[in-house]
């Protein structure tokens, strides 16, 4: 029998990401699972220059300020979610780096049974420019992945 003892629920703090929350919480209740709630701050300390081979360091007070704002917003979101879903064990995990890489690393490290992620449903040029974290997670994850598309 399939059992989901540890779920990894991703969020980018958008309204689209909210679509995955009820699925993760319902599964957690059904299987008495722990939920790892993750947010990844895209860590762009280094940018590859258009010309040249060495990355350019852009660490500034501005960057640190934005990181702290994102972390505070995530912590507030996690606190609200834990307050509304008191019957579910939720562990917040603030990650830094490339979202796909950090999510998959955490999933492996924690040996999760399922990754729950919402899609943005981008197509055409938006998909070309922004890509899809959910799509890459589905393609690269050795763990089962539940993707949830928000209602139009």
Protein backbone atom coordinates (compact mmCIF):
# COMPACT_ATOMS: atom_id res chain seq x y z
CA UNK A 1 0.00 0.00 0.00
CA UNK A 2 1.20 3.49 -0.81
CA UNK A 3 1.91 5.66 2.20
CA UNK A 4 2.87 9.32 2.32
CA UNK A 5 4.58 9.96 5.65
CA UNK A 6 6.49 13.03 4.53
CA UNK A 7 5.18 15.55 2.00
CA UNK A 8 7.08 18.45 0.49
CA UNK A 9 4.76 21.36 -0.31
CA UNK A 10 6.29 24.15 -2.36
CA UNK A 11 5.18 27.75 -2.50
CA UNK A 12 6.32 30.89 -4.26
CA UNK A 13 3.86 32.87 -2.12
CA UNK A 14 1.65 33.56 -5.15
CA UNK A 15 -2.09 33.00 -5.30
CA UNK A 16 -1.45 30.21 -7.81
CA UNK A 17 0.60 28.34 -5.22
CA UNK A 18 -2.43 28.32 -2.91
CA UNK A 19 -4.11 25.76 -5.17
CA UNK A 20 -1.77 23.00 -3.96
CA UNK A 21 -2.28 23.65 -0.24
CA UNK A 22 -5.64 21.84 0.25
CA UNK A 23 -4.30 18.75 -1.52
CA UNK A 24 -1.20 18.59 0.65
CA UNK A 25 -3.14 19.19 3.86
CA UNK A 26 -5.81 16.60 3.01
CA UNK A 27 -3.16 14.00 2.19
CA UNK A 28 -1.30 14.88 5.39
CA UNK A 29 -4.45 14.39 7.44
CA UNK A 30 -5.30 11.12 5.70
CA UNK A 31 -1.81 9.63 6.10
CA UNK A 32 -0.82 11.47 9.31
CA UNK A 33 2.08 12.97 7.38
CA UNK A 34 4.56 15.68 8.16
CA UNK A 35 4.51 18.56 5.65
CA UNK A 36 7.73 20.33 4.72
CA UNK A 37 6.55 23.75 3.55
CA UNK A 38 9.25 25.20 1.30
CA UNK A 39 9.93 28.57 -0.22
CA UNK A 40 13.04 29.20 -2.31
CA UNK A 41 14.53 32.66 -2.51
CA UNK A 42 16.27 32.75 -5.87
CA UNK A 43 19.82 33.46 -4.77
CA UNK A 44 21.32 35.66 -7.48
CA UNK A 45 24.45 36.86 -5.75
CA UNK A 46 26.26 36.05 -8.94
CA UNK A 47 25.13 36.88 -12.44
CA UNK A 48 26.84 35.60 -15.56
CA UNK A 49 27.97 38.55 -17.65
CA UNK A 50 26.93 38.84 -21.27
CA UNK A 51 30.59 38.97 -22.29
CA UNK A 52 33.28 37.17 -20.34
CA UNK A 53 33.57 34.01 -18.33
CA UNK A 54 33.62 35.08 -14.68
CA UNK A 55 30.37 35.74 -12.80
CA UNK A 56 29.84 39.19 -11.35
CA UNK A 57 29.26 39.52 -7.59
CA UNK A 58 26.30 41.76 -6.78
CA UNK A 59 25.99 41.27 -3.01
CA UNK A 60 24.63 44.52 -1.63
CA UNK A 61 22.62 45.82 1.31
CA UNK A 62 19.72 46.07 -1.15
CA UNK A 63 19.93 42.35 -1.86
CA UNK A 64 20.11 41.44 1.82
CA UNK A 65 17.10 43.64 2.50
CA UNK A 66 15.04 41.89 -0.17
CA UNK A 67 16.08 38.46 1.13
CA UNK A 68 15.01 39.44 4.65
CA UNK A 69 11.67 40.72 3.33
CA UNK A 70 11.03 37.44 1.50
CA UNK A 71 12.01 35.41 4.54
CA UNK A 72 9.71 37.44 6.79
CA UNK A 73 6.83 37.09 4.33
CA UNK A 74 7.38 33.31 4.16
CA UNK A 75 7.57 33.02 7.95
CA UNK A 76 4.33 34.96 8.27
CA UNK A 77 2.68 32.72 5.64
CA UNK A 78 3.91 29.57 7.43
CA UNK A 79 2.64 30.84 10.79
CA UNK A 80 -0.82 31.52 9.35
CA UNK A 81 -0.93 28.11 7.65
CA UNK A 82 0.17 26.32 10.83
CA UNK A 83 -2.51 28.22 12.75
CA UNK A 84 -5.29 27.21 10.37
CA UNK A 85 -4.12 23.60 10.01
CA UNK A 86 -3.27 22.80 13.61
CA UNK A 87 -4.03 19.12 13.08
CA UNK A 88 -1.15 18.83 10.57
CA UNK A 89 2.55 18.86 11.40
CA UNK A 90 4.10 21.59 9.22
CA UNK A 91 7.81 22.36 9.17
CA UNK A 92 8.79 25.56 7.29
CA UNK A 93 11.98 25.40 5.21
CA UNK A 94 13.35 28.65 3.76
CA UNK A 95 15.74 27.77 0.94
CA UNK A 96 18.13 29.90 -1.09
CA UNK A 97 19.35 29.20 -4.59
CA UNK A 98 17.86 27.90 -7.80
CA UNK A 99 14.39 26.66 -6.85
CA UNK A 100 14.47 23.37 -8.74
CA UNK A 101 17.90 22.43 -7.38
CA UNK A 102 17.10 23.32 -3.76
CA UNK A 103 13.69 21.60 -3.80
CA UNK A 104 15.14 18.38 -5.21
CA UNK A 105 18.06 18.48 -2.76
CA UNK A 106 15.70 18.87 0.18
CA UNK A 107 13.43 16.11 -1.12
CA UNK A 108 16.39 13.75 -1.31
CA UNK A 109 17.86 14.78 2.03
CA UNK A 110 14.51 14.40 3.81
CA UNK A 111 13.52 11.29 1.83
CA UNK A 112 10.07 12.68 1.08
CA UNK A 113 7.30 10.45 -0.20
CA UNK A 114 5.59 13.07 -2.37
CA UNK A 115 6.24 16.57 -3.70
CA UNK A 116 3.12 18.74 -4.03
CA UNK A 117 3.49 21.75 -6.31
CA UNK A 118 1.20 24.15 -8.10
CA UNK A 119 1.66 25.16 -11.70
CA UNK A 120 1.24 28.63 -13.14
CA UNK A 121 -0.09 27.26 -16.42
CA UNK A 122 2.06 29.53 -18.56
CA UNK A 123 2.16 28.95 -22.28
CA UNK A 124 3.77 30.56 -25.29
CA UNK A 125 6.18 33.41 -24.65
CA UNK A 126 5.56 33.46 -20.91
CA UNK A 127 6.62 29.81 -20.70
CA UNK A 128 9.62 30.51 -22.90
CA UNK A 129 10.83 33.43 -20.76
CA UNK A 130 9.90 32.19 -17.29
CA UNK A 131 10.10 28.44 -17.73
CA UNK A 132 8.36 26.20 -15.25
CA UNK A 133 9.69 25.06 -11.91
CA UNK A 134 6.87 22.52 -11.68
CA UNK A 135 7.69 21.08 -15.09
CA UNK A 136 11.37 20.70 -14.21
CA UNK A 137 10.52 19.10 -10.86
CA UNK A 138 8.28 16.56 -12.60
CA UNK A 139 10.99 15.77 -15.16
CA UNK A 140 13.91 15.53 -12.72
CA UNK A 141 12.47 14.23 -9.45
CA UNK A 142 12.99 10.61 -8.45
CA UNK A 143 10.07 11.17 -6.02
CA UNK A 144 6.40 11.13 -7.03
CA UNK A 145 5.06 14.61 -7.80
CA UNK A 146 1.50 15.88 -7.55
CA UNK A 147 0.99 18.99 -9.66
CA UNK A 148 -2.07 21.15 -9.14
CA UNK A 149 -3.23 23.62 -11.73
CA UNK A 150 -5.21 26.55 -10.30
CA UNK A 151 -8.72 27.02 -11.58
CA UNK A 152 -9.02 29.67 -14.30
